Amino acid sequence: MITREQALQFAQAWVNAWNSHDLEAVLLHYTEDFEMSSPFIQQMGIAPSGTLKGKENVAAYWRKAMGKYPDLHFELHEVFSCVHTIIIYYDSVAGKKAAEFFELNAEGKVFRAMGHYD
């Protein structure tokens, strides 16, 4: 069970890693074989399915995204949690509102993530 405090700590560490543009710090939150789905994956021409699997593949996508959005800055608004999941609601790139869904394993690492945008 993820407590409110654990969810808040995860969210703040995740946002801080992104805001510092530290890809290695971002990747610390994920398992080696995690799966990421996002409409940005499609829009950037990375994968027609909008889904990538594996830390190396997602890291390459995020590296490209960080290059495309050099002024990237997330602003955290709210954090929601359930038994094994966290949702972070924040301001994303290009003025978009975002809700990121994370499914965590027993070690607290993300093995599935989905980005949702307005």
PDB file of N, CA and C in Angstrom:
ATOM      1  N   MET A   1       0.842  -1.190   0.000  1.00  0.00           N
ATOM      2  CA  MET A   1       0.000   0.000   0.000  1.00  0.00           C
ATOM      3  C   MET A   1       0.885   1.250   0.000  1.00  0.00           C
ATOM      4  N   ILE A   2       0.605   2.148  -0.911  1.00  0.00           N
ATOM      5  CA  ILE A   2       1.350   3.405  -1.002  1.00  0.00           C
ATOM      6  C   ILE A   2       0.665   4.425  -0.094  1.00  0.00           C
ATOM      7  N   THR A   3       1.415   4.983   0.830  1.00  0.00           N
ATOM      8  CA  THR A   3       0.853   5.997   1.717  1.00  0.00           C
ATOM      9  C   THR A   3       0.840   7.354   1.011  1.00  0.00           C
ATOM     10  N   ARG A   4       0.103   8.267   1.543  1.00  0.00           N
ATOM     11  CA  ARG A   4       0.056   9.632   1.005  1.00  0.00           C
ATOM     12  C   ARG A   4       1.459  10.249   1.015  1.00  0.00           C
ATOM     13  N   GLU A   5       2.167  10.058   2.108  1.00  0.00           N
ATOM     14  CA  GLU A   5       3.511  10.625   2.216  1.00  0.00           C
ATOM     15  C   GLU A   5       4.453  10.014   1.172  1.00  0.00           C
ATOM     16  N   GLN A   6       4.390   8.710   0.953  1.00  0.00           N
ATOM     17  CA  GLN A   6       5.229   8.070  -0.067  1.00  0.00           C
ATOM     18  C   GLN A   6       4.894   8.604  -1.461  1.00  0.00           C
ATOM     19  N   ALA A   7       3.607   8.772  -1.730  1.00  0.00           N
ATOM     20  CA  ALA A   7       3.185   9.287  -3.034  1.00  0.00           C
ATOM     21  C   ALA A   7       3.694  10.710  -3.241  1.00  0.00           C
ATOM     22  N   LEU A   8       3.584  11.545  -2.218  1.00  0.00           N
ATOM     23  CA  LEU A   8       4.070  12.925  -2.311  1.00  0.00           C
ATOM     24  C   LEU A   8       5.583  12.975  -2.496  1.00  0.00           C
ATOM     25  N   GLN A   9       6.313  12.133  -1.779  1.00  0.00           N
ATOM     26  CA  GLN A   9       7.772  12.092  -1.915  1.00  0.00           C
ATOM     27  C   GLN A   9       8.171  11.641  -3.315  1.00  0.00           C
ATOM     28  N   PHE A  10       7.503  10.610  -3.827  1.00  0.00           N
ATOM     29  CA  PHE A  10       7.776  10.123  -5.176  1.00  0.00           C
ATOM     30  C   PHE A  10       7.541  11.250  -6.183  1.00  0.00           C
ATOM     31  N   ALA A  11       6.386  11.896  -6.078  1.00  0.00           N
ATOM     32  CA  ALA A  11       6.019  12.942  -7.032  1.00  0.00           C
ATOM     33  C   ALA A  11       7.012  14.099  -7.008  1.00  0.00           C
ATOM     34  N   GLN A  12       7.395  14.540  -5.827  1.00  0.00           N
ATOM     35  CA  GLN A  12       8.323  15.672  -5.741  1.00  0.00           C
ATOM     36  C   GLN A  12       9.695  15.300  -6.288  1.00  0.00           C
ATOM     37  N   ALA A  13      10.174  14.102  -5.989  1.00  0.00           N
ATOM     38  CA  ALA A  13      11.469  13.655  -6.518  1.00  0.00           C
ATOM     39  C   ALA A  13      11.415  13.539  -8.039  1.00  0.00           C
ATOM     40  N   TRP A  14      10.310  13.041  -8.567  1.00  0.00           N
ATOM     41  CA  TRP A  14      10.133  12.870 -10.011  1.00  0.00           C
ATOM     42  C   TRP A  14      10.127  14.236 -10.706  1.00  0.00           C
ATOM     43  N   VAL A  15       9.344  15.171 -10.186  1.00  0.00           N
ATOM     44  CA  VAL A  15       9.272  16.518 -10.760  1.00  0.00           C
ATOM     45  C   VAL A  15      10.633  17.209 -10.653  1.00  0.00           C
ATOM     46  N   ASN A  16      11.298  17.086  -9.517  1.00  0.00           N
ATOM     47  CA  ASN A  16      12.617  17.714  -9.347  1.00  0.00           C
ATOM     48  C   ASN A  16      13.620  17.169 -10.361  1.00  0.00           C
ATOM     49  N   ALA A  17      13.588  15.864 -10.603  1.00  0.00           N
ATOM     50  CA  ALA A  17      14.506  15.258 -11.576  1.00  0.00           C
ATOM     51  C   ALA A  17      14.252  15.818 -12.968  1.00  0.00           C
ATOM     52  N   TRP A  18      12.979  15.900 -13.355  1.00  0.00           N
ATOM     53  CA  TRP A  18      12.648  16.467 -14.669  1.00  0.00           C
ATOM     54  C   TRP A  18      13.055  17.932 -14.750  1.00  0.00           C
ATOM     55  N   ASN A  19      12.751  18.696 -13.717  1.00  0.00           N
ATOM     56  CA  ASN A  19      13.053  20.131 -13.749  1.00  0.00           C
ATOM     57  C   ASN A  19      14.553  20.416 -13.756  1.00  0.00           C
ATOM     58  N   SER A  20      15.349  19.492 -13.263  1.00  0.00           N
ATOM     59  CA  SER A  20      16.798  19.665 -13.318  1.00  0.00           C
ATOM     60  C   SER A  20      17.371  19.130 -14.625  1.00  0.00           C
ATOM     61  N   HIS A  21      16.494  18.568 -15.469  1.00  0.00           N
ATOM     62  CA  HIS A  21      16.891  18.001 -16.768  1.00  0.00           C
ATOM     63  C   HIS A  21      17.939  16.902 -16.591  1.00  0.00           C
ATOM     64  N   ASP A  22      17.789  16.146 -15.506  1.00  0.00           N
ATOM     65  CA  ASP A  22      18.717  15.070 -15.165  1.00  0.00           C
ATOM     66  C   ASP A  22      18.079  13.737 -15.530  1.00  0.00           C
ATOM     67  N   LEU A  23      18.333  13.294 -16.746  1.00  0.00           N
ATOM     68  CA  LEU A  23      17.702  12.069 -17.246  1.00  0.00           C
ATOM     69  C   LEU A  23      18.035  10.868 -16.370  1.00  0.00           C
ATOM     70  N   GLU A  24      19.262  10.768 -15.890  1.00  0.00           N
ATOM     71  CA  GLU A  24      19.640   9.632 -15.039  1.00  0.00           C
ATOM     72  C   GLU A  24      18.820   9.631 -13.742  1.00  0.00           C
ATOM     73  N   ALA A  25      18.574  10.804 -13.179  1.00  0.00           N
ATOM     74  CA  ALA A  25      17.753  10.900 -11.966  1.00  0.00           C
ATOM     75  C   ALA A  25      16.306  10.524 -12.259  1.00  0.00           C
ATOM     76  N   VAL A  26      15.803  10.917 -13.420  1.00  0.00           N
ATOM     77  CA  VAL A  26      14.438  10.525 -13.813  1.00  0.00           C
ATOM     78  C   VAL A  26      14.354   9.005 -13.912  1.00  0.00           C
ATOM     79  N   LEU A  27      15.322   8.399 -14.587  1.00  0.00           N
ATOM     80  CA  LEU A  27      15.295   6.957 -14.836  1.00  0.00           C
ATOM     81  C   LEU A  27      15.420   6.117 -13.570  1.00  0.00           C
ATOM     82  N   LEU A  28      15.924   6.677 -12.491  1.00  0.00           N
ATOM     83  CA  LEU A  28      16.022   5.940 -11.229  1.00  0.00           C
ATOM     84  C   LEU A  28      14.670   5.486 -10.706  1.00  0.00           C
ATOM     85  N   HIS A  29      13.600   6.117 -11.155  1.00  0.00           N
ATOM     86  CA  HIS A  29      12.262   5.780 -10.681  1.00  0.00           C
ATOM     87  C   HIS A  29      11.663   4.551 -11.370  1.00  0.00           C
ATOM     88  N   TYR A  30      12.345   4.013 -12.369  1.00  0.00           N
ATOM     89  CA  TYR A  30      11.763   2.991 -13.247  1.00  0.00           C
ATOM     90  C   TYR A  30      12.533   1.677 -13.231  1.00  0.00           C
ATOM     91  N   THR A  31      11.810   0.583 -13.508  1.00  0.00           N
ATOM     92  CA  THR A  31      12.437  -0.727 -13.689  1.00  0.00           C
ATOM     93  C   THR A  31      13.118  -0.762 -15.054  1.00  0.00           C
ATOM     94  N   GLU A  32      13.998  -1.719 -15.264  1.00  0.00           N
ATOM     95  CA  GLU A  32      14.718  -1.837 -16.531  1.00  0.00           C
ATOM     96  C   GLU A  32      13.777  -2.096 -17.707  1.00  0.00           C
ATOM     97  N   ASP A  33      12.685  -2.833 -17.465  1.00  0.00           N
ATOM     98  CA  ASP A  33      11.789  -3.241 -18.556  1.00  0.00           C
ATOM     99  C   ASP A  33      10.448  -2.508 -18.533  1.00  0.00           C
ATOM    100  N   PHE A  34      10.410  -1.315 -17.922  1.00  0.00           N
ATOM    101  CA  PHE A  34       9.126  -0.628 -17.809  1.00  0.00           C
ATOM    102  C   PHE A  34       8.555  -0.252 -19.167  1.00  0.00           C
ATOM    103  N   GLU A  35       7.259  -0.016 -19.160  1.00  0.00           N
ATOM    104  CA  GLU A  35       6.523   0.337 -20.375  1.00  0.00           C
ATOM    105  C   GLU A  35       5.935   1.732 -20.206  1.00  0.00           C
ATOM    106  N   MET A  36       6.116   2.557 -21.230  1.00  0.00           N
ATOM    107  CA  MET A  36       5.639   3.942 -21.213  1.00  0.00           C
ATOM    108  C   MET A  36       4.729   4.180 -22.402  1.00  0.00           C
ATOM    109  N   SER A  37       3.556   4.762 -22.145  1.00  0.00           N
ATOM    110  CA  SER A  37       2.637   5.152 -23.218  1.00  0.00           C
ATOM    111  C   SER A  37       2.363   6.641 -23.110  1.00  0.00           C
ATOM    112  N   SER A  38       2.387   7.311 -24.278  1.00  0.00           N
ATOM    113  CA  SER A  38       2.141   8.745 -24.315  1.00  0.00           C
ATOM    114  C   SER A  38       1.813   9.158 -25.744  1.00  0.00           C
ATOM    115  N   PRO A  39       0.888  10.102 -25.915  1.00  0.00           N
ATOM    116  CA  PRO A  39       0.641  10.614 -27.263  1.00  0.00           C
ATOM    117  C   PRO A  39       1.856  11.341 -27.836  1.00  0.00           C
ATOM    118  N   PHE A  40       2.758  11.850 -26.969  1.00  0.00           N
ATOM    119  CA  PHE A  40       3.975  12.500 -27.453  1.00  0.00           C
ATOM    120  C   PHE A  40       4.879  11.509 -28.179  1.00  0.00           C
ATOM    121  N   ILE A  41       4.846  10.242 -27.784  1.00  0.00           N
ATOM    122  CA  ILE A  41       5.642   9.213 -28.465  1.00  0.00           C
ATOM    123  C   ILE A  41       5.197   9.115 -29.918  1.00  0.00           C
ATOM    124  N   GLN A  42       3.887   9.171 -30.138  1.00  0.00           N
ATOM    125  CA  GLN A  42       3.352   9.160 -31.506  1.00  0.00           C
ATOM    126  C   GLN A  42       3.681  10.463 -32.226  1.00  0.00           C
ATOM    127  N   GLN A  43       3.400  11.586 -31.578  1.00  0.00           N
ATOM    128  CA  GLN A  43       3.559  12.896 -32.211  1.00  0.00           C
ATOM    129  C   GLN A  43       5.005  13.175 -32.622  1.00  0.00           C
ATOM    130  N   MET A  44       5.949  12.628 -31.878  1.00  0.00           N
ATOM    131  CA  MET A  44       7.360  12.844 -32.202  1.00  0.00           C
ATOM    132  C   MET A  44       7.888  11.809 -33.193  1.00  0.00           C
ATOM    133  N   GLY A  45       7.001  10.915 -33.646  1.00  0.00           N
ATOM    134  CA  GLY A  45       7.396   9.930 -34.645  1.00  0.00           C
ATOM    135  C   GLY A  45       8.284   8.823 -34.103  1.00  0.00           C
ATOM    136  N   ILE A  46       8.216   8.569 -32.807  1.00  0.00           N
ATOM    137  CA  ILE A  46       9.067   7.549 -32.177  1.00  0.00           C
ATOM    138  C   ILE A  46       8.493   6.149 -32.382  1.00  0.00           C
ATOM    139  N   ALA A  47       7.190   5.994 -32.127  1.00  0.00           N
ATOM    140  CA  ALA A  47       6.526   4.696 -32.282  1.00  0.00           C
ATOM    141  C   ALA A  47       5.054   4.945 -32.592  1.00  0.00           C
ATOM    142  N   PRO A  48       4.534   4.395 -33.692  1.00  0.00           N
ATOM    143  CA  PRO A  48       3.135   4.611 -34.059  1.00  0.00           C
ATOM    144  C   PRO A  48       2.140   4.152 -32.984  1.00  0.00           C
ATOM    145  N   SER A  49       2.528   3.166 -32.193  1.00  0.00           N
ATOM    146  CA  SER A  49       1.636   2.648 -31.147  1.00  0.00           C
ATOM    147  C   SER A  49       1.510   3.605 -29.975  1.00  0.00           C
ATOM    148  N   GLY A  50       2.467   4.514 -29.819  1.00  0.00           N
ATOM    149  CA  GLY A  50       2.468   5.423 -28.673  1.00  0.00           C
ATOM    150  C   GLY A  50       3.019   4.776 -27.415  1.00  0.00           C
ATOM    151  N   THR A  51       3.584   3.568 -27.539  1.00  0.00           N
ATOM    152  CA  THR A  51       4.097   2.826 -26.388  1.00  0.00           C
ATOM    153  C   THR A  51       5.523   2.355 -26.657  1.00  0.00           C
ATOM    154  N   LEU A  52       6.366   2.508 -25.640  1.00  0.00           N
ATOM    155  CA  LEU A  52       7.743   2.009 -25.686  1.00  0.00           C
ATOM    156  C   LEU A  52       7.966   1.100 -24.487  1.00  0.00           C
ATOM    157  N   LYS A  53       8.835   0.116 -24.654  1.00  0.00           N
ATOM    158  CA  LYS A  53       9.170  -0.790 -23.559  1.00  0.00           C
ATOM    159  C   LYS A  53      10.684  -0.839 -23.393  1.00  0.00           C
ATOM    160  N   GLY A  54      11.114  -0.762 -22.156  1.00  0.00           N
ATOM    161  CA  GLY A  54      12.527  -0.858 -21.831  1.00  0.00           C
ATOM    162  C   GLY A  54      13.140   0.492 -21.555  1.00  0.00           C
ATOM    163  N   LYS A  55      13.977   0.532 -20.533  1.00  0.00           N
ATOM    164  CA  LYS A  55      14.595   1.778 -20.087  1.00  0.00           C
ATOM    165  C   LYS A  55      15.417   2.440 -21.188  1.00  0.00           C
ATOM    166  N   GLU A  56      16.137   1.650 -21.965  1.00  0.00           N
ATOM    167  CA  GLU A  56      16.967   2.231 -23.038  1.00  0.00           C
ATOM    168  C   GLU A  56      16.116   2.918 -24.095  1.00  0.00           C
ATOM    169  N   ASN A  57      15.020   2.282 -24.502  1.00  0.00           N
ATOM    170  CA  ASN A  57      14.148   2.866 -25.523  1.00  0.00           C
ATOM    171  C   ASN A  57      13.467   4.134 -25.028  1.00  0.00           C
ATOM    172  N   VAL A  58      12.978   4.099 -23.799  1.00  0.00           N
ATOM    173  CA  VAL A  58      12.315   5.282 -23.253  1.00  0.00           C
ATOM    174  C   VAL A  58      13.331   6.393 -23.012  1.00  0.00           C
ATOM    175  N   ALA A  59      14.533   6.041 -22.564  1.00  0.00           N
ATOM    176  CA  ALA A  59      15.574   7.050 -22.346  1.00  0.00           C
ATOM    177  C   ALA A  59      15.906   7.779 -23.646  1.00  0.00           C
ATOM    178  N   ALA A  60      15.974   7.047 -24.751  1.00  0.00           N
ATOM    179  CA  ALA A  60      16.260   7.685 -26.049  1.00  0.00           C
ATOM    180  C   ALA A  60      15.149   8.661 -26.415  1.00  0.00           C
ATOM    181  N   TYR A  61      13.901   8.277 -26.181  1.00  0.00           N
ATOM    182  CA  TYR A  61      12.755   9.155 -26.444  1.00  0.00           C
ATOM    183  C   TYR A  61      12.819  10.392 -25.547  1.00  0.00           C
ATOM    184  N   TRP A  62      13.050  10.198 -24.242  1.00  0.00           N
ATOM    185  CA  TRP A  62      13.102  11.329 -23.324  1.00  0.00           C
ATOM    186  C   TRP A  62      14.279  12.255 -23.633  1.00  0.00           C
ATOM    187  N   ARG A  63      15.390  11.699 -24.056  1.00  0.00           N
ATOM    188  CA  ARG A  63      16.538  12.528 -24.436  1.00  0.00           C
ATOM    189  C   ARG A  63      16.153  13.444 -25.599  1.00  0.00           C
ATOM    190  N   LYS A  64      15.447  12.865 -26.563  1.00  0.00           N
ATOM    191  CA  LYS A  64      14.980  13.640 -27.713  1.00  0.00           C
ATOM    192  C   LYS A  64      13.972  14.705 -27.263  1.00  0.00           C
ATOM    193  N   ALA A  65      13.069  14.336 -26.366  1.00  0.00           N
ATOM    194  CA  ALA A  65      12.061  15.276 -25.866  1.00  0.00           C
ATOM    195  C   ALA A  65      12.715  16.422 -25.088  1.00  0.00           C
ATOM    196  N   MET A  66      13.731  16.110 -24.281  1.00  0.00           N
ATOM    197  CA  MET A  66      14.430  17.165 -23.533  1.00  0.00           C
ATOM    198  C   MET A  66      15.135  18.123 -24.484  1.00  0.00           C
ATOM    199  N   GLY A  67      15.625  17.608 -25.606  1.00  0.00           N
ATOM    200  CA  GLY A  67      16.235  18.469 -26.613  1.00  0.00           C
ATOM    201  C   GLY A  67      15.214  19.350 -27.309  1.00  0.00           C
ATOM    202  N   LYS A  68      14.036  18.799 -27.529  1.00  0.00           N
ATOM    203  CA  LYS A  68      12.974  19.550 -28.198  1.00  0.00           C
ATOM    204  C   LYS A  68      12.393  20.628 -27.280  1.00  0.00           C
ATOM    205  N   TYR A  69      12.390  20.377 -25.981  1.00  0.00           N
ATOM    206  CA  TYR A  69      11.829  21.306 -24.991  1.00  0.00           C
ATOM    207  C   TYR A  69      12.916  21.690 -23.982  1.00  0.00           C
ATOM    208  N   PRO A  70      13.891  22.488 -24.391  1.00  0.00           N
ATOM    209  CA  PRO A  70      15.008  22.814 -23.491  1.00  0.00           C
ATOM    210  C   PRO A  70      14.595  23.633 -22.267  1.00  0.00           C
ATOM    211  N   ASP A  71      13.453  24.291 -22.333  1.00  0.00           N
ATOM    212  CA  ASP A  71      12.972  25.064 -21.187  1.00  0.00           C
ATOM    213  C   ASP A  71      11.935  24.288 -20.372  1.00  0.00           C
ATOM    214  N   LEU A  72      11.919  22.981 -20.539  1.00  0.00           N
ATOM    215  CA  LEU A  72      10.971  22.120 -19.840  1.00  0.00           C
ATOM    216  C   LEU A  72      10.968  22.421 -18.346  1.00  0.00           C
ATOM    217  N   HIS A  73       9.774  22.631 -17.814  1.00  0.00           N
ATOM    218  CA  HIS A  73       9.601  22.836 -16.379  1.00  0.00           C
ATOM    219  C   HIS A  73       8.208  22.357 -16.007  1.00  0.00           C
ATOM    220  N   PHE A  74       8.151  21.436 -15.052  1.00  0.00           N
ATOM    221  CA  PHE A  74       6.870  20.916 -14.577  1.00  0.00           C
ATOM    222  C   PHE A  74       6.502  21.614 -13.278  1.00  0.00           C
ATOM    223  N   GLU A  75       5.213  21.891 -13.132  1.00  0.00           N
ATOM    224  CA  GLU A  75       4.716  22.431 -11.867  1.00  0.00           C
ATOM    225  C   GLU A  75       3.692  21.461 -11.302  1.00  0.00           C
ATOM    226  N   LEU A  76       4.011  20.927 -10.143  1.00  0.00           N
ATOM    227  CA  LEU A  76       3.164  19.930  -9.490  1.00  0.00           C
ATOM    228  C   LEU A  76       1.915  20.588  -8.907  1.00  0.00           C
ATOM    229  N   HIS A  77       0.747  19.985  -9.203  1.00  0.00           N
ATOM    230  CA  HIS A  77      -0.507  20.490  -8.651  1.00  0.00           C
ATOM    231  C   HIS A  77      -1.117  19.546  -7.627  1.00  0.00           C
ATOM    232  N   GLU A  78      -1.122  18.247  -7.945  1.00  0.00           N
ATOM    233  CA  GLU A  78      -1.773  17.300  -7.038  1.00  0.00           C
ATOM    234  C   GLU A  78      -1.214  15.917  -7.255  1.00  0.00           C
ATOM    235  N   VAL A  79      -1.329  15.105  -6.218  1.00  0.00           N
ATOM    236  CA  VAL A  79      -0.869  13.722  -6.253  1.00  0.00           C
ATOM    237  C   VAL A  79      -1.983  12.844  -5.711  1.00  0.00           C
ATOM    238  N   PHE A  80      -2.277  11.775  -6.436  1.00  0.00           N
ATOM    239  CA  PHE A  80      -3.301  10.811  -6.037  1.00  0.00           C
ATOM    240  C   PHE A  80      -2.643   9.442  -5.935  1.00  0.00           C
ATOM    241  N   SER A  81      -3.138   8.605  -5.022  1.00  0.00           N
ATOM    242  CA  SER A  81      -2.560   7.271  -4.910  1.00  0.00           C
ATOM    243  C   SER A  81      -3.644   6.242  -4.629  1.00  0.00           C
ATOM    244  N   CYS A  82      -3.296   5.002  -4.945  1.00  0.00           N
ATOM    245  CA  CYS A  82      -4.139   3.848  -4.681  1.00  0.00           C
ATOM    246  C   CYS A  82      -3.223   2.799  -4.056  1.00  0.00           C
ATOM    247  N   VAL A  83      -3.571   1.553  -4.167  1.00  0.00           N
ATOM    248  CA  VAL A  83      -2.793   0.499  -3.522  1.00  0.00           C
ATOM    249  C   VAL A  83      -1.375   0.419  -4.099  1.00  0.00           C
ATOM    250  N   HIS A  84      -1.254   0.340  -5.425  1.00  0.00           N
ATOM    251  CA  HIS A  84       0.047   0.203  -6.080  1.00  0.00           C
ATOM    252  C   HIS A  84       0.240   1.225  -7.200  1.00  0.00           C
ATOM    253  N   THR A  85      -0.532   2.298  -7.189  1.00  0.00           N
ATOM    254  CA  THR A  85      -0.448   3.281  -8.267  1.00  0.00           C
ATOM    255  C   THR A  85      -0.401   4.702  -7.715  1.00  0.00           C
ATOM    256  N   ILE A  86       0.174   5.579  -8.533  1.00  0.00           N
ATOM    257  CA  ILE A  86       0.233   7.011  -8.231  1.00  0.00           C
ATOM    258  C   ILE A  86      -0.147   7.752  -9.505  1.00  0.00           C
ATOM    259  N   ILE A  87      -0.888   8.834  -9.350  1.00  0.00           N
ATOM    260  CA  ILE A  87      -1.172   9.745 -10.450  1.00  0.00           C
ATOM    261  C   ILE A  87      -0.680  11.120 -10.028  1.00  0.00           C
ATOM    262  N   ILE A  88       0.120  11.719 -10.898  1.00  0.00           N
ATOM    263  CA  ILE A  88       0.638  13.063 -10.651  1.00  0.00           C
ATOM    264  C   ILE A  88      -0.031  14.009 -11.639  1.00  0.00           C
ATOM    265  N   TYR A  89      -0.660  15.047 -11.124  1.00  0.00           N
ATOM    266  CA  TYR A  89      -1.298  16.072 -11.945  1.00  0.00           C
ATOM    267  C   TYR A  89      -0.396  17.300 -11.922  1.00  0.00           C
ATOM    268  N   TYR A  90       0.011  17.764 -13.111  1.00  0.00           N
ATOM    269  CA  TYR A  90       1.000  18.839 -13.177  1.00  0.00           C
ATOM    270  C   TYR A  90       0.876  19.621 -14.479  1.00  0.00           C
ATOM    271  N   ASP A  91       1.513  20.794 -14.511  1.00  0.00           N
ATOM    272  CA  ASP A  91       1.672  21.539 -15.751  1.00  0.00           C
ATOM    273  C   ASP A  91       2.862  20.932 -16.478  1.00  0.00           C
ATOM    274  N   SER A  92       2.672  20.634 -17.749  1.00  0.00           N
ATOM    275  CA  SER A  92       3.693  19.975 -18.555  1.00  0.00           C
ATOM    276  C   SER A  92       4.262  20.955 -19.576  1.00  0.00           C
ATOM    277  N   VAL A  93       4.785  20.431 -20.674  1.00  0.00           N
ATOM    278  CA  VAL A  93       5.367  21.257 -21.729  1.00  0.00           C
ATOM    279  C   VAL A  93       4.278  21.926 -22.561  1.00  0.00           C
ATOM    280  N   ALA A  94       4.640  23.011 -23.201  1.00  0.00           N
ATOM    281  CA  ALA A  94       3.769  23.728 -24.133  1.00  0.00           C
ATOM    282  C   ALA A  94       2.438  24.134 -23.494  1.00  0.00           C
ATOM    283  N   GLY A  95       2.448  24.412 -22.192  1.00  0.00           N
ATOM    284  CA  GLY A  95       1.245  24.862 -21.502  1.00  0.00           C
ATOM    285  C   GLY A  95       0.188  23.789 -21.286  1.00  0.00           C
ATOM    286  N   LYS A  96       0.531  22.544 -21.508  1.00  0.00           N
ATOM    287  CA  LYS A  96      -0.437  21.458 -21.346  1.00  0.00           C
ATOM    288  C   LYS A  96      -0.552  21.032 -19.894  1.00  0.00           C
ATOM    289  N   LYS A  97      -1.787  20.692 -19.503  1.00  0.00           N
ATOM    290  CA  LYS A  97      -2.030  20.039 -18.220  1.00  0.00           C
ATOM    291  C   LYS A  97      -1.779  18.560 -18.435  1.00  0.00           C
ATOM    292  N   ALA A  98      -1.209  17.893 -17.437  1.00  0.00           N
ATOM    293  CA  ALA A  98      -0.883  16.478 -17.576  1.00  0.00           C
ATOM    294  C   ALA A  98      -1.281  15.710 -16.325  1.00  0.00           C
ATOM    295  N   ALA A  99      -1.667  14.460 -16.531  1.00  0.00           N
ATOM    296  CA  ALA A  99      -1.891  13.508 -15.449  1.00  0.00           C
ATOM    297  C   ALA A  99      -1.098  12.261 -15.822  1.00  0.00           C
ATOM    298  N   GLU A 100      -0.081  11.985 -15.043  1.00  0.00           N
ATOM    299  CA  GLU A 100       0.799  10.845 -15.308  1.00  0.00           C
ATOM    300  C   GLU A 100       0.428   9.721 -14.349  1.00  0.00           C
ATOM    301  N   PHE A 101       0.160   8.551 -14.921  1.00  0.00           N
ATOM    302  CA  PHE A 101      -0.220   7.354 -14.162  1.00  0.00           C
ATOM    303  C   PHE A 101       1.004   6.460 -14.026  1.00  0.00           C
ATOM    304  N   PHE A 102       1.297   6.032 -12.811  1.00  0.00           N
ATOM    305  CA  PHE A 102       2.427   5.157 -12.537  1.00  0.00           C
ATOM    306  C   PHE A 102       1.951   3.911 -11.809  1.00  0.00           C
ATOM    307  N   GLU A 103       2.354   2.747 -12.277  1.00  0.00           N
ATOM    308  CA  GLU A 103       2.096   1.501 -11.570  1.00  0.00           C
ATOM    309  C   GLU A 103       3.434   1.018 -11.025  1.00  0.00           C
ATOM    310  N   LEU A 104       3.500   0.800  -9.710  1.00  0.00           N
ATOM    311  CA  LEU A 104       4.755   0.486  -9.042  1.00  0.00           C
ATOM    312  C   LEU A 104       4.820  -0.979  -8.615  1.00  0.00           C
ATOM    313  N   ASN A 105       6.055  -1.519  -8.614  1.00  0.00           N
ATOM    314  CA  ASN A 105       6.263  -2.876  -8.133  1.00  0.00           C
ATOM    315  C   ASN A 105       6.482  -2.849  -6.617  1.00  0.00           C
ATOM    316  N   ALA A 106       6.789  -3.994  -6.040  1.00  0.00           N
ATOM    317  CA  ALA A 106       6.970  -4.094  -4.588  1.00  0.00           C
ATOM    318  C   ALA A 106       8.152  -3.270  -4.084  1.00  0.00           C
ATOM    319  N   GLU A 107       9.120  -2.994  -4.953  1.00  0.00           N
ATOM    320  CA  GLU A 107      10.285  -2.183  -4.561  1.00  0.00           C
ATOM    321  C   GLU A 107      10.054  -0.685  -4.744  1.00  0.00           C
ATOM    322  N   GLY A 108       8.865  -0.315  -5.188  1.00  0.00           N
ATOM    323  CA  GLY A 108       8.550   1.097  -5.379  1.00  0.00           C
ATOM    324  C   GLY A 108       9.042   1.675  -6.684  1.00  0.00           C
ATOM    325  N   LYS A 109       9.384   0.810  -7.633  1.00  0.00           N
ATOM    326  CA  LYS A 109       9.834   1.253  -8.963  1.00  0.00           C
ATOM    327  C   LYS A 109       8.672   1.152  -9.951  1.00  0.00           C
ATOM    328  N   VAL A 110       8.623   2.080 -10.885  1.00  0.00           N
ATOM    329  CA  VAL A 110       7.571   2.125 -11.895  1.00  0.00           C
ATOM    330  C   VAL A 110       7.837   1.059 -12.954  1.00  0.00           C
ATOM    331  N   PHE A 111       6.819   0.220 -13.214  1.00  0.00           N
ATOM    332  CA  PHE A 111       6.948  -0.743 -14.307  1.00  0.00           C
ATOM    333  C   PHE A 111       5.982  -0.440 -15.447  1.00  0.00           C
ATOM    334  N   ARG A 112       5.037   0.469 -15.209  1.00  0.00           N
ATOM    335  CA  ARG A 112       4.132   0.906 -16.282  1.00  0.00           C
ATOM    336  C   ARG A 112       3.758   2.354 -15.995  1.00  0.00           C
ATOM    337  N   ALA A 113       3.830   3.179 -17.049  1.00  0.00           N
ATOM    338  CA  ALA A 113       3.484   4.594 -16.925  1.00  0.00           C
ATOM    339  C   ALA A 113       2.710   5.027 -18.149  1.00  0.00           C
ATOM    340  N   MET A 114       1.767   5.939 -17.935  1.00  0.00           N
ATOM    341  CA  MET A 114       0.952   6.472 -19.027  1.00  0.00           C
ATOM    342  C   MET A 114       0.764   7.963 -18.824  1.00  0.00           C
ATOM    343  N   GLY A 115       1.113   8.729 -19.862  1.00  0.00           N
ATOM    344  CA  GLY A 115       0.940  10.178 -19.814  1.00  0.00           C
ATOM    345  C   GLY A 115      -0.382  10.567 -20.453  1.00  0.00           C
ATOM    346  N   HIS A 116      -1.131  11.402 -19.767  1.00  0.00           N
ATOM    347  CA  HIS A 116      -2.422  11.905 -20.242  1.00  0.00           C
ATOM    348  C   HIS A 116      -2.349  13.426 -20.292  1.00  0.00           C
ATOM    349  N   TYR A 117      -2.810  14.019 -21.391  1.00  0.00           N
ATOM    350  CA  TYR A 117      -2.677  15.464 -21.579  1.00  0.00           C
ATOM    351  C   TYR A 117      -3.984  16.060 -22.075  1.00  0.00           C
ATOM    352  N   ASP A 118      -4.182  17.357 -21.733  1.00  0.00           N
ATOM    353  CA  ASP A 118      -5.390  18.036 -22.218  1.00  0.00           C
ATOM    354  C   ASP A 118      -5.225  18.430 -23.663  1.00  0.00           C
TER     355      ASP A 118
END
